[in-house]
Amino acid sequence: MPSDPVPLAGALEIIILGVTQTGAPFRPSDWADRLCGVMSIFGEDQRISYSPYVNPSVADGHKCVRVDTRLKALNPDAFAFLMGFARDNELRLHAPSEAAGLAAQGLRG
């Protein structure tokens, strides 16, 4: 895994891609939904919904999690948990400049 973290200065979002540093797909296949489920909230309608700051998505055919970097200021522990999850599982991270390239390749929410 690269030693340099993804630069966050000025970033609007970080994408945790379901591909390891070695290029293998991350398992289980529902990992993104599970991870976002941890960050879910109950609304006034008593229904669970994803946090507006953490959402599952697909990029280039791979599951991913989109993390709004405002979460770092709002809930530093939650942000650290998500970044730690990516680091511990050797998942690829993409910063906004790279995210624009992913969008061109089919990033959809």
PDB file of N, CA and C in Angstrom:
ATOM      1  N   MET A   1       0.847  -1.175   0.000  1.00  0.00           N
ATOM      2  CA  MET A   1       0.000   0.000   0.000  1.00  0.00           C
ATOM      3  C   MET A   1       0.890   1.234   0.000  1.00  0.00           C
ATOM      4  N   PRO A   2       0.537   2.253  -0.806  1.00  0.00           N
ATOM      5  CA  PRO A   2       1.370   3.436  -0.852  1.00  0.00           C
ATOM      6  C   PRO A   2       1.418   4.107   0.508  1.00  0.00           C
ATOM      7  N   SER A   3       2.575   4.683   0.843  1.00  0.00           N
ATOM      8  CA  SER A   3       2.714   5.331   2.138  1.00  0.00           C
ATOM      9  C   SER A   3       2.107   6.723   2.147  1.00  0.00           C
ATOM     10  N   ASP A   4       1.962   7.358   0.999  1.00  0.00           N
ATOM     11  CA  ASP A   4       1.396   8.699   0.944  1.00  0.00           C
ATOM     12  C   ASP A   4      -0.123   8.619   0.959  1.00  0.00           C
ATOM     13  N   PRO A   5      -0.755   9.314   1.931  1.00  0.00           N
ATOM     14  CA  PRO A   5      -2.209   9.313   1.960  1.00  0.00           C
ATOM     15  C   PRO A   5      -2.771  10.140   0.815  1.00  0.00           C
ATOM     16  N   VAL A   6      -4.038   9.923   0.498  1.00  0.00           N
ATOM     17  CA  VAL A   6      -4.701  10.718  -0.520  1.00  0.00           C
ATOM     18  C   VAL A   6      -4.780  12.149   0.002  1.00  0.00           C
ATOM     19  N   PRO A   7      -4.371  13.145  -0.790  1.00  0.00           N
ATOM     20  CA  PRO A   7      -4.431  14.516  -0.304  1.00  0.00           C
ATOM     21  C   PRO A   7      -5.881  14.947  -0.085  1.00  0.00           C
ATOM     22  N   LEU A   8      -6.158  15.511   1.112  1.00  0.00           N
ATOM     23  CA  LEU A   8      -7.522  15.903   1.450  1.00  0.00           C
ATOM     24  C   LEU A   8      -7.746  17.405   1.364  1.00  0.00           C
ATOM     25  N   ALA A   9      -6.679  18.183   1.298  1.00  0.00           N
ATOM     26  CA  ALA A   9      -6.827  19.641   1.287  1.00  0.00           C
ATOM     27  C   ALA A   9      -7.702  20.070   0.120  1.00  0.00           C
ATOM     28  N   GLY A  10      -8.815  20.712   0.434  1.00  0.00           N
ATOM     29  CA  GLY A  10      -9.714  21.200  -0.601  1.00  0.00           C
ATOM     30  C   GLY A  10     -10.597  20.145  -1.229  1.00  0.00           C
ATOM     31  N   ALA A  11     -10.464  18.908  -0.799  1.00  0.00           N
ATOM     32  CA  ALA A  11     -11.249  17.824  -1.383  1.00  0.00           C
ATOM     33  C   ALA A  11     -12.701  17.938  -0.957  1.00  0.00           C
ATOM     34  N   LEU A  12     -13.616  17.668  -1.855  1.00  0.00           N
ATOM     35  CA  LEU A  12     -15.038  17.655  -1.540  1.00  0.00           C
ATOM     36  C   LEU A  12     -15.499  16.266  -1.132  1.00  0.00           C
ATOM     37  N   GLU A  13     -14.877  15.271  -1.719  1.00  0.00           N
ATOM     38  CA  GLU A  13     -15.215  13.892  -1.353  1.00  0.00           C
ATOM     39  C   GLU A  13     -14.032  12.980  -1.589  1.00  0.00           C
ATOM     40  N   ILE A  14     -14.066  11.875  -0.871  1.00  0.00           N
ATOM     41  CA  ILE A  14     -13.095  10.807  -1.042  1.00  0.00           C
ATOM     42  C   ILE A  14     -13.892   9.588  -1.464  1.00  0.00           C
ATOM     43  N   ILE A  15     -13.380   8.856  -2.424  1.00  0.00           N
ATOM     44  CA  ILE A  15     -14.035   7.632  -2.870  1.00  0.00           C
ATOM     45  C   ILE A  15     -13.193   6.450  -2.414  1.00  0.00           C
ATOM     46  N   ILE A  16     -13.836   5.577  -1.633  1.00  0.00           N
ATOM     47  CA  ILE A  16     -13.200   4.328  -1.218  1.00  0.00           C
ATOM     48  C   ILE A  16     -13.637   3.289  -2.242  1.00  0.00           C
ATOM     49  N   LEU A  17     -12.709   2.855  -3.060  1.00  0.00           N
ATOM     50  CA  LEU A  17     -13.016   1.925  -4.144  1.00  0.00           C
ATOM     51  C   LEU A  17     -12.865   0.489  -3.674  1.00  0.00           C
ATOM     52  N   GLY A  18     -13.781  -0.371  -4.057  1.00  0.00           N
ATOM     53  CA  GLY A  18     -13.774  -1.771  -3.647  1.00  0.00           C
ATOM     54  C   GLY A  18     -12.767  -2.612  -4.391  1.00  0.00           C
ATOM     55  N   VAL A  19     -11.566  -2.082  -4.505  1.00  0.00           N
ATOM     56  CA  VAL A  19     -10.450  -2.775  -5.159  1.00  0.00           C
ATOM     57  C   VAL A  19      -9.242  -2.596  -4.253  1.00  0.00           C
ATOM     58  N   THR A  20      -8.555  -3.687  -3.967  1.00  0.00           N
ATOM     59  CA  THR A  20      -7.389  -3.610  -3.098  1.00  0.00           C
ATOM     60  C   THR A  20      -6.199  -3.012  -3.848  1.00  0.00           C
ATOM     61  N   GLN A  21      -5.174  -2.688  -3.101  1.00  0.00           N
ATOM     62  CA  GLN A  21      -3.959  -2.132  -3.695  1.00  0.00           C
ATOM     63  C   GLN A  21      -3.333  -3.107  -4.691  1.00  0.00           C
ATOM     64  N   THR A  22      -3.606  -4.396  -4.548  1.00  0.00           N
ATOM     65  CA  THR A  22      -3.071  -5.391  -5.482  1.00  0.00           C
ATOM     66  C   THR A  22      -3.975  -5.596  -6.689  1.00  0.00           C
ATOM     67  N   GLY A  23      -5.125  -4.906  -6.715  1.00  0.00           N
ATOM     68  CA  GLY A  23      -6.035  -4.999  -7.854  1.00  0.00           C
ATOM     69  C   GLY A  23      -7.143  -6.025  -7.702  1.00  0.00           C
ATOM     70  N   ALA A  24      -7.184  -6.717  -6.571  1.00  0.00           N
ATOM     71  CA  ALA A  24      -8.232  -7.723  -6.344  1.00  0.00           C
ATOM     72  C   ALA A  24      -9.523  -7.058  -5.894  1.00  0.00           C
ATOM     73  N   PRO A  25     -10.674  -7.597  -6.318  1.00  0.00           N
ATOM     74  CA  PRO A  25     -11.940  -7.050  -5.823  1.00  0.00           C
ATOM     75  C   PRO A  25     -12.086  -7.330  -4.332  1.00  0.00           C
ATOM     76  N   PHE A  26     -12.628  -6.351  -3.608  1.00  0.00           N
ATOM     77  CA  PHE A  26     -12.817  -6.505  -2.173  1.00  0.00           C
ATOM     78  C   PHE A  26     -14.084  -7.310  -1.911  1.00  0.00           C
ATOM     79  N   ARG A  27     -14.019  -8.202  -0.956  1.00  0.00           N
ATOM     80  CA  ARG A  27     -15.143  -9.051  -0.577  1.00  0.00           C
ATOM     81  C   ARG A  27     -15.503  -8.807   0.869  1.00  0.00           C
ATOM     82  N   PRO A  28     -16.756  -8.990   1.264  1.00  0.00           N
ATOM     83  CA  PRO A  28     -17.879  -9.522   0.515  1.00  0.00           C
ATOM     84  C   PRO A  28     -18.436  -8.494  -0.471  1.00  0.00           C
ATOM     85  N   SER A  29     -19.254  -8.966  -1.382  1.00  0.00           N
ATOM     86  CA  SER A  29     -19.744  -8.097  -2.447  1.00  0.00           C
ATOM     87  C   SER A  29     -20.637  -6.966  -1.937  1.00  0.00           C
ATOM     88  N   ASP A  30     -21.216  -7.111  -0.758  1.00  0.00           N
ATOM     89  CA  ASP A  30     -22.087  -6.055  -0.214  1.00  0.00           C
ATOM     90  C   ASP A  30     -21.367  -5.168   0.804  1.00  0.00           C
ATOM     91  N   TRP A  31     -20.044  -5.138   0.760  1.00  0.00           N
ATOM     92  CA  TRP A  31     -19.264  -4.394   1.736  1.00  0.00           C
ATOM     93  C   TRP A  31     -19.652  -2.923   1.792  1.00  0.00           C
ATOM     94  N   ALA A  32     -19.908  -2.298   0.637  1.00  0.00           N
ATOM     95  CA  ALA A  32     -20.219  -0.866   0.608  1.00  0.00           C
ATOM     96  C   ALA A  32     -21.540  -0.588   1.323  1.00  0.00           C
ATOM     97  N   ASP A  33     -22.532  -1.442   1.081  1.00  0.00           N
ATOM     98  CA  ASP A  33     -23.820  -1.270   1.750  1.00  0.00           C
ATOM     99  C   ASP A  33     -23.677  -1.470   3.253  1.00  0.00           C
ATOM    100  N   ARG A  34     -22.892  -2.452   3.649  1.00  0.00           N
ATOM    101  CA  ARG A  34     -22.665  -2.701   5.075  1.00  0.00           C
ATOM    102  C   ARG A  34     -21.956  -1.519   5.739  1.00  0.00           C
ATOM    103  N   LEU A  35     -20.917  -1.017   5.087  1.00  0.00           N
ATOM    104  CA  LEU A  35     -20.166   0.091   5.654  1.00  0.00           C
ATOM    105  C   LEU A  35     -21.051   1.336   5.775  1.00  0.00           C
ATOM    106  N   CYS A  36     -21.816   1.620   4.752  1.00  0.00           N
ATOM    107  CA  CYS A  36     -22.718   2.774   4.804  1.00  0.00           C
ATOM    108  C   CYS A  36     -23.830   2.547   5.821  1.00  0.00           C
ATOM    109  N   GLY A  37     -24.224   1.293   6.008  1.00  0.00           N
ATOM    110  CA  GLY A  37     -25.238   0.970   7.000  1.00  0.00           C
ATOM    111  C   GLY A  37     -24.794   1.324   8.402  1.00  0.00           C
ATOM    112  N   VAL A  38     -23.513   1.189   8.671  1.00  0.00           N
ATOM    113  CA  VAL A  38     -22.970   1.547   9.981  1.00  0.00           C
ATOM    114  C   VAL A  38     -23.173   3.038  10.238  1.00  0.00           C
ATOM    115  N   MET A  39     -23.156   3.832   9.176  1.00  0.00           N
ATOM    116  CA  MET A  39     -23.275   5.280   9.298  1.00  0.00           C
ATOM    117  C   MET A  39     -24.711   5.767   9.080  1.00  0.00           C
ATOM    118  N   SER A  40     -25.668   4.847   8.969  1.00  0.00           N
ATOM    119  CA  SER A  40     -27.059   5.204   8.706  1.00  0.00           C
ATOM    120  C   SER A  40     -27.712   5.883   9.900  1.00  0.00           C
ATOM    121  N   ILE A  41     -28.801   6.580   9.608  1.00  0.00           N
ATOM    122  CA  ILE A  41     -29.553   7.280  10.646  1.00  0.00           C
ATOM    123  C   ILE A  41     -31.039   6.950  10.505  1.00  0.00           C
ATOM    124  N   PHE A  42     -31.768   7.060  11.605  1.00  0.00           N
ATOM    125  CA  PHE A  42     -33.217   6.917  11.567  1.00  0.00           C
ATOM    126  C   PHE A  42     -33.819   8.301  11.399  1.00  0.00           C
ATOM    127  N   GLY A  43     -34.715   8.421  10.423  1.00  0.00           N
ATOM    128  CA  GLY A  43     -35.374   9.697  10.189  1.00  0.00           C
ATOM    129  C   GLY A  43     -36.623   9.847  11.037  1.00  0.00           C
ATOM    130  N   GLU A  44     -37.258  10.992  10.924  1.00  0.00           N
ATOM    131  CA  GLU A  44     -38.497  11.246  11.658  1.00  0.00           C
ATOM    132  C   GLU A  44     -39.601  10.276  11.251  1.00  0.00           C
ATOM    133  N   ASP A  45     -39.497   9.741  10.038  1.00  0.00           N
ATOM    134  CA  ASP A  45     -40.496   8.776   9.555  1.00  0.00           C
ATOM    135  C   ASP A  45     -40.226   7.357  10.056  1.00  0.00           C
ATOM    136  N   GLN A  46     -39.244   7.225  10.973  1.00  0.00           N
ATOM    137  CA  GLN A  46     -38.869   5.942  11.570  1.00  0.00           C
ATOM    138  C   GLN A  46     -38.279   4.969  10.553  1.00  0.00           C
ATOM    139  N   ARG A  47     -37.755   5.493   9.474  1.00  0.00           N
ATOM    140  CA  ARG A  47     -37.088   4.681   8.465  1.00  0.00           C
ATOM    141  C   ARG A  47     -35.598   4.960   8.509  1.00  0.00           C
ATOM    142  N   ILE A  48     -34.850   3.915   8.252  1.00  0.00           N
ATOM    143  CA  ILE A  48     -33.399   4.074   8.225  1.00  0.00           C
ATOM    144  C   ILE A  48     -32.985   4.599   6.851  1.00  0.00           C
ATOM    145  N   SER A  49     -32.032   5.493   6.851  1.00  0.00           N
ATOM    146  CA  SER A  49     -31.523   6.015   5.578  1.00  0.00           C
ATOM    147  C   SER A  49     -30.025   6.272   5.714  1.00  0.00           C
ATOM    148  N   TYR A  50     -29.350   6.248   4.576  1.00  0.00           N
ATOM    149  CA  TYR A  50     -27.919   6.504   4.579  1.00  0.00           C
ATOM    150  C   TYR A  50     -27.641   7.933   5.021  1.00  0.00           C
ATOM    151  N   SER A  51     -26.515   8.101   5.654  1.00  0.00           N
ATOM    152  CA  SER A  51     -26.057   9.432   6.025  1.00  0.00           C
ATOM    153  C   SER A  51     -25.862  10.253   4.754  1.00  0.00           C
ATOM    154  N   PRO A  52     -26.147  11.546   4.813  1.00  0.00           N
ATOM    155  CA  PRO A  52     -25.886  12.369   3.628  1.00  0.00           C
ATOM    156  C   PRO A  52     -24.392  12.512   3.330  1.00  0.00           C
ATOM    157  N   TYR A  53     -23.553  12.048   4.252  1.00  0.00           N
ATOM    158  CA  TYR A  53     -22.105  12.191   4.092  1.00  0.00           C
ATOM    159  C   TYR A  53     -21.399  10.911   3.651  1.00  0.00           C
ATOM    160  N   VAL A  54     -22.112   9.786   3.656  1.00  0.00           N
ATOM    161  CA  VAL A  54     -21.511   8.495   3.317  1.00  0.00           C
ATOM    162  C   VAL A  54     -22.533   7.697   2.500  1.00  0.00           C
ATOM    163  N   ASN A  55     -22.200   7.415   1.233  1.00  0.00           N
ATOM    164  CA  ASN A  55     -23.148   6.733   0.362  1.00  0.00           C
ATOM    165  C   ASN A  55     -22.480   5.663  -0.485  1.00  0.00           C
ATOM    166  N   PRO A  56     -23.166   4.524  -0.660  1.00  0.00           N
ATOM    167  CA  PRO A  56     -22.635   3.506  -1.563  1.00  0.00           C
ATOM    168  C   PRO A  56     -22.843   3.945  -3.008  1.00  0.00           C
ATOM    169  N   SER A  57     -21.970   3.500  -3.864  1.00  0.00           N
ATOM    170  CA  SER A  57     -22.057   3.839  -5.278  1.00  0.00           C
ATOM    171  C   SER A  57     -21.331   2.764  -6.079  1.00  0.00           C
ATOM    172  N   VAL A  58     -21.196   2.993  -7.372  1.00  0.00           N
ATOM    173  CA  VAL A  58     -20.453   2.097  -8.254  1.00  0.00           C
ATOM    174  C   VAL A  58     -19.539   2.948  -9.121  1.00  0.00           C
ATOM    175  N   ALA A  59     -18.295   2.534  -9.236  1.00  0.00           N
ATOM    176  CA  ALA A  59     -17.335   3.223 -10.094  1.00  0.00           C
ATOM    177  C   ALA A  59     -16.614   2.189 -10.943  1.00  0.00           C
ATOM    178  N   ASP A  60     -16.718   2.365 -12.235  1.00  0.00           N
ATOM    179  CA  ASP A  60     -16.010   1.486 -13.170  1.00  0.00           C
ATOM    180  C   ASP A  60     -16.301   0.015 -12.891  1.00  0.00           C
ATOM    181  N   GLY A  61     -17.561  -0.277 -12.547  1.00  0.00           N
ATOM    182  CA  GLY A  61     -17.963  -1.654 -12.300  1.00  0.00           C
ATOM    183  C   GLY A  61     -17.632  -2.183 -10.919  1.00  0.00           C
ATOM    184  N   HIS A  62     -17.076  -1.346 -10.052  1.00  0.00           N
ATOM    185  CA  HIS A  62     -16.703  -1.766  -8.702  1.00  0.00           C
ATOM    186  C   HIS A  62     -17.540  -1.014  -7.673  1.00  0.00           C
ATOM    187  N   LYS A  63     -17.946  -1.713  -6.630  1.00  0.00           N
ATOM    188  CA  LYS A  63     -18.633  -1.061  -5.522  1.00  0.00           C
ATOM    189  C   LYS A  63     -17.671  -0.068  -4.895  1.00  0.00           C
ATOM    190  N   CYS A  64     -18.233   1.029  -4.408  1.00  0.00           N
ATOM    191  CA  CYS A  64     -17.419   2.022  -3.723  1.00  0.00           C
ATOM    192  C   CYS A  64     -18.267   2.762  -2.705  1.00  0.00           C
ATOM    193  N   VAL A  65     -17.607   3.531  -1.872  1.00  0.00           N
ATOM    194  CA  VAL A  65     -18.275   4.371  -0.894  1.00  0.00           C
ATOM    195  C   VAL A  65     -17.785   5.794  -1.114  1.00  0.00           C
ATOM    196  N   ARG A  66     -18.737   6.703  -1.254  1.00  0.00           N
ATOM    197  CA  ARG A  66     -18.427   8.115  -1.424  1.00  0.00           C
ATOM    198  C   ARG A  66     -18.534   8.788  -0.062  1.00  0.00           C
ATOM    199  N   VAL A  67     -17.462   9.423   0.364  1.00  0.00           N
ATOM    200  CA  VAL A  67     -17.399  10.068   1.671  1.00  0.00           C
ATOM    201  C   VAL A  67     -17.251  11.570   1.467  1.00  0.00           C
ATOM    202  N   ASP A  68     -18.233  12.323   1.917  1.00  0.00           N
ATOM    203  CA  ASP A  68     -18.178  13.781   1.880  1.00  0.00           C
ATOM    204  C   ASP A  68     -17.172  14.215   2.945  1.00  0.00           C
ATOM    205  N   THR A  69     -16.168  14.981   2.555  1.00  0.00           N
ATOM    206  CA  THR A  69     -15.106  15.332   3.492  1.00  0.00           C
ATOM    207  C   THR A  69     -15.559  16.301   4.585  1.00  0.00           C
ATOM    208  N   ARG A  70     -16.762  16.852   4.474  1.00  0.00           N
ATOM    209  CA  ARG A  70     -17.281  17.675   5.576  1.00  0.00           C
ATOM    210  C   ARG A  70     -17.483  16.826   6.826  1.00  0.00           C
ATOM    211  N   LEU A  71     -17.582  15.510   6.639  1.00  0.00           N
ATOM    212  CA  LEU A  71     -17.731  14.603   7.770  1.00  0.00           C
ATOM    213  C   LEU A  71     -16.542  14.718   8.721  1.00  0.00           C
ATOM    214  N   LYS A  72     -15.369  15.026   8.184  1.00  0.00           N
ATOM    215  CA  LYS A  72     -14.163  15.126   9.017  1.00  0.00           C
ATOM    216  C   LYS A  72     -14.337  16.188  10.105  1.00  0.00           C
ATOM    217  N   ALA A  73     -14.970  17.308   9.771  1.00  0.00           N
ATOM    218  CA  ALA A  73     -15.203  18.369  10.755  1.00  0.00           C
ATOM    219  C   ALA A  73     -16.415  18.062  11.629  1.00  0.00           C
ATOM    220  N   LEU A  74     -17.442  17.453  11.048  1.00  0.00           N
ATOM    221  CA  LEU A  74     -18.676  17.182  11.778  1.00  0.00           C
ATOM    222  C   LEU A  74     -18.561  16.014  12.751  1.00  0.00           C
ATOM    223  N   ASN A  75     -17.846  14.979  12.328  1.00  0.00           N
ATOM    224  CA  ASN A  75     -17.699  13.787  13.158  1.00  0.00           C
ATOM    225  C   ASN A  75     -16.335  13.163  12.870  1.00  0.00           C
ATOM    226  N   PRO A  76     -15.286  13.708  13.487  1.00  0.00           N
ATOM    227  CA  PRO A  76     -13.926  13.227  13.205  1.00  0.00           C
ATOM    228  C   PRO A  76     -13.745  11.736  13.466  1.00  0.00           C
ATOM    229  N   ASP A  77     -14.420  11.202  14.477  1.00  0.00           N
ATOM    230  CA  ASP A  77     -14.281   9.772  14.769  1.00  0.00           C
ATOM    231  C   ASP A  77     -14.851   8.917  13.641  1.00  0.00           C
ATOM    232  N   ALA A  78     -15.999   9.318  13.110  1.00  0.00           N
ATOM    233  CA  ALA A  78     -16.611   8.573  12.003  1.00  0.00           C
ATOM    234  C   ALA A  78     -15.718   8.633  10.768  1.00  0.00           C
ATOM    235  N   PHE A  79     -15.177   9.824  10.483  1.00  0.00           N
ATOM    236  CA  PHE A  79     -14.290   9.972   9.334  1.00  0.00           C
ATOM    237  C   PHE A  79     -13.051   9.102   9.503  1.00  0.00           C
ATOM    238  N   ALA A  80     -12.475   9.134  10.701  1.00  0.00           N
ATOM    239  CA  ALA A  80     -11.285   8.322  10.981  1.00  0.00           C
ATOM    240  C   ALA A  80     -11.606   6.833  10.852  1.00  0.00           C
ATOM    241  N   PHE A  81     -12.793   6.430  11.288  1.00  0.00           N
ATOM    242  CA  PHE A  81     -13.205   5.033  11.158  1.00  0.00           C
ATOM    243  C   PHE A  81     -13.234   4.618   9.690  1.00  0.00           C
ATOM    244  N   LEU A  82     -13.830   5.444   8.839  1.00  0.00           N
ATOM    245  CA  LEU A  82     -13.927   5.117   7.415  1.00  0.00           C
ATOM    246  C   LEU A  82     -12.554   5.055   6.752  1.00  0.00           C
ATOM    247  N   MET A  83     -11.701   6.016   7.066  1.00  0.00           N
ATOM    248  CA  MET A  83     -10.356   6.018   6.482  1.00  0.00           C
ATOM    249  C   MET A  83      -9.540   4.839   7.025  1.00  0.00           C
ATOM    250  N   GLY A  84      -9.750   4.506   8.294  1.00  0.00           N
ATOM    251  CA  GLY A  84      -9.080   3.351   8.881  1.00  0.00           C
ATOM    252  C   GLY A  84      -9.532   2.049   8.244  1.00  0.00           C
ATOM    253  N   PHE A  85     -10.822   1.961   7.943  1.00  0.00           N
ATOM    254  CA  PHE A  85     -11.358   0.776   7.267  1.00  0.00           C
ATOM    255  C   PHE A  85     -10.669   0.601   5.917  1.00  0.00           C
ATOM    256  N   ALA A  86     -10.569   1.690   5.173  1.00  0.00           N
ATOM    257  CA  ALA A  86      -9.915   1.625   3.861  1.00  0.00           C
ATOM    258  C   ALA A  86      -8.445   1.232   4.004  1.00  0.00           C
ATOM    259  N   ARG A  87      -7.769   1.838   4.960  1.00  0.00           N
ATOM    260  CA  ARG A  87      -6.341   1.536   5.182  1.00  0.00           C
ATOM    261  C   ARG A  87      -6.148   0.086   5.612  1.00  0.00           C
ATOM    262  N   ASP A  88      -6.924  -0.362   6.607  1.00  0.00           N
ATOM    263  CA  ASP A  88      -6.766  -1.713   7.139  1.00  0.00           C
ATOM    264  C   ASP A  88      -7.055  -2.793   6.103  1.00  0.00           C
ATOM    265  N   ASN A  89      -7.950  -2.488   5.161  1.00  0.00           N
ATOM    266  CA  ASN A  89      -8.309  -3.457   4.127  1.00  0.00           C
ATOM    267  C   ASN A  89      -7.583  -3.205   2.813  1.00  0.00           C
ATOM    268  N   GLU A  90      -6.625  -2.271   2.860  1.00  0.00           N
ATOM    269  CA  GLU A  90      -5.790  -1.940   1.697  1.00  0.00           C
ATOM    270  C   GLU A  90      -6.619  -1.595   0.470  1.00  0.00           C
ATOM    271  N   LEU A  91      -7.664  -0.786   0.682  1.00  0.00           N
ATOM    272  CA  LEU A  91      -8.524  -0.361  -0.420  1.00  0.00           C
ATOM    273  C   LEU A  91      -7.983   0.915  -1.046  1.00  0.00           C
ATOM    274  N   ARG A  92      -8.260   1.067  -2.310  1.00  0.00           N
ATOM    275  CA  ARG A  92      -7.805   2.253  -3.037  1.00  0.00           C
ATOM    276  C   ARG A  92      -8.698   3.439  -2.690  1.00  0.00           C
ATOM    277  N   LEU A  93      -8.068   4.595  -2.518  1.00  0.00           N
ATOM    278  CA  LEU A  93      -8.770   5.848  -2.266  1.00  0.00           C
ATOM    279  C   LEU A  93      -8.554   6.777  -3.443  1.00  0.00           C
ATOM    280  N   HIS A  94      -9.583   7.517  -3.784  1.00  0.00           N
ATOM    281  CA  HIS A  94      -9.479   8.494  -4.867  1.00  0.00           C
ATOM    282  C   HIS A  94      -9.926   9.849  -4.349  1.00  0.00           C
ATOM    283  N   ALA A  95      -9.143  10.870  -4.638  1.00  0.00           N
ATOM    284  CA  ALA A  95      -9.465  12.243  -4.270  1.00  0.00           C
ATOM    285  C   ALA A  95     -10.311  12.866  -5.379  1.00  0.00           C
ATOM    286  N   PRO A  96     -10.884  14.030  -5.138  1.00  0.00           N
ATOM    287  CA  PRO A  96     -11.782  14.644  -6.118  1.00  0.00           C
ATOM    288  C   PRO A  96     -11.216  14.788  -7.521  1.00  0.00           C
ATOM    289  N   SER A  97      -9.943  15.131  -7.654  1.00  0.00           N
ATOM    290  CA  SER A  97      -9.381  15.257  -8.996  1.00  0.00           C
ATOM    291  C   SER A  97      -9.459  13.914  -9.715  1.00  0.00           C
ATOM    292  N   GLU A  98      -9.216  12.838  -8.970  1.00  0.00           N
ATOM    293  CA  GLU A  98      -9.339  11.505  -9.543  1.00  0.00           C
ATOM    294  C   GLU A  98     -10.807  11.121  -9.683  1.00  0.00           C
ATOM    295  N   ALA A  99     -11.649  11.630  -8.783  1.00  0.00           N
ATOM    296  CA  ALA A  99     -13.070  11.316  -8.825  1.00  0.00           C
ATOM    297  C   ALA A  99     -13.684  11.812 -10.127  1.00  0.00           C
ATOM    298  N   ALA A 100     -13.198  12.956 -10.624  1.00  0.00           N
ATOM    299  CA  ALA A 100     -13.714  13.466 -11.891  1.00  0.00           C
ATOM    300  C   ALA A 100     -13.418  12.480 -13.006  1.00  0.00           C
ATOM    301  N   GLY A 101     -12.242  11.859 -12.946  1.00  0.00           N
ATOM    302  CA  GLY A 101     -11.902  10.839 -13.935  1.00  0.00           C
ATOM    303  C   GLY A 101     -12.776   9.613 -13.798  1.00  0.00           C
ATOM    304  N   LEU A 102     -13.095   9.243 -12.571  1.00  0.00           N
ATOM    305  CA  LEU A 102     -13.976   8.107 -12.355  1.00  0.00           C
ATOM    306  C   LEU A 102     -15.377   8.412 -12.874  1.00  0.00           C
ATOM    307  N   ALA A 103     -15.831   9.643 -12.702  1.00  0.00           N
ATOM    308  CA  ALA A 103     -17.149  10.028 -13.176  1.00  0.00           C
ATOM    309  C   ALA A 103     -17.229   9.845 -14.693  1.00  0.00           C
ATOM    310  N   ALA A 104     -16.157  10.199 -15.349  1.00  0.00           N
ATOM    311  CA  ALA A 104     -16.125  10.033 -16.804  1.00  0.00           C
ATOM    312  C   ALA A 104     -16.144   8.561 -17.199  1.00  0.00           C
ATOM    313  N   GLN A 105     -15.716   7.694 -16.255  1.00  0.00           N
ATOM    314  CA  GLN A 105     -15.685   6.255 -16.522  1.00  0.00           C
ATOM    315  C   GLN A 105     -16.968   5.558 -16.072  1.00  0.00           C
ATOM    316  N   GLY A 106     -17.930   6.329 -15.565  1.00  0.00           N
ATOM    317  CA  GLY A 106     -19.201   5.696 -15.207  1.00  0.00           C
ATOM    318  C   GLY A 106     -19.555   5.703 -13.748  1.00  0.00           C
ATOM    319  N   LEU A 107     -19.027   6.609 -12.952  1.00  0.00           N
ATOM    320  CA  LEU A 107     -19.418   6.684 -11.543  1.00  0.00           C
ATOM    321  C   LEU A 107     -20.875   7.092 -11.490  1.00  0.00           C
ATOM    322  N   ARG A 108     -21.646   6.311 -10.766  1.00  0.00           N
ATOM    323  CA  ARG A 108     -23.056   6.643 -10.635  1.00  0.00           C
ATOM    324  C   ARG A 108     -23.515   6.336  -9.221  1.00  0.00           C
ATOM    325  N   GLY A 109     -24.395   7.134  -8.732  1.00  0.00           N
ATOM    326  CA  GLY A 109     -24.878   6.968  -7.377  1.00  0.00           C
ATOM    327  C   GLY A 109     -26.199   6.291  -7.300  1.00  0.00           C
TER     328      GLY A 109
END
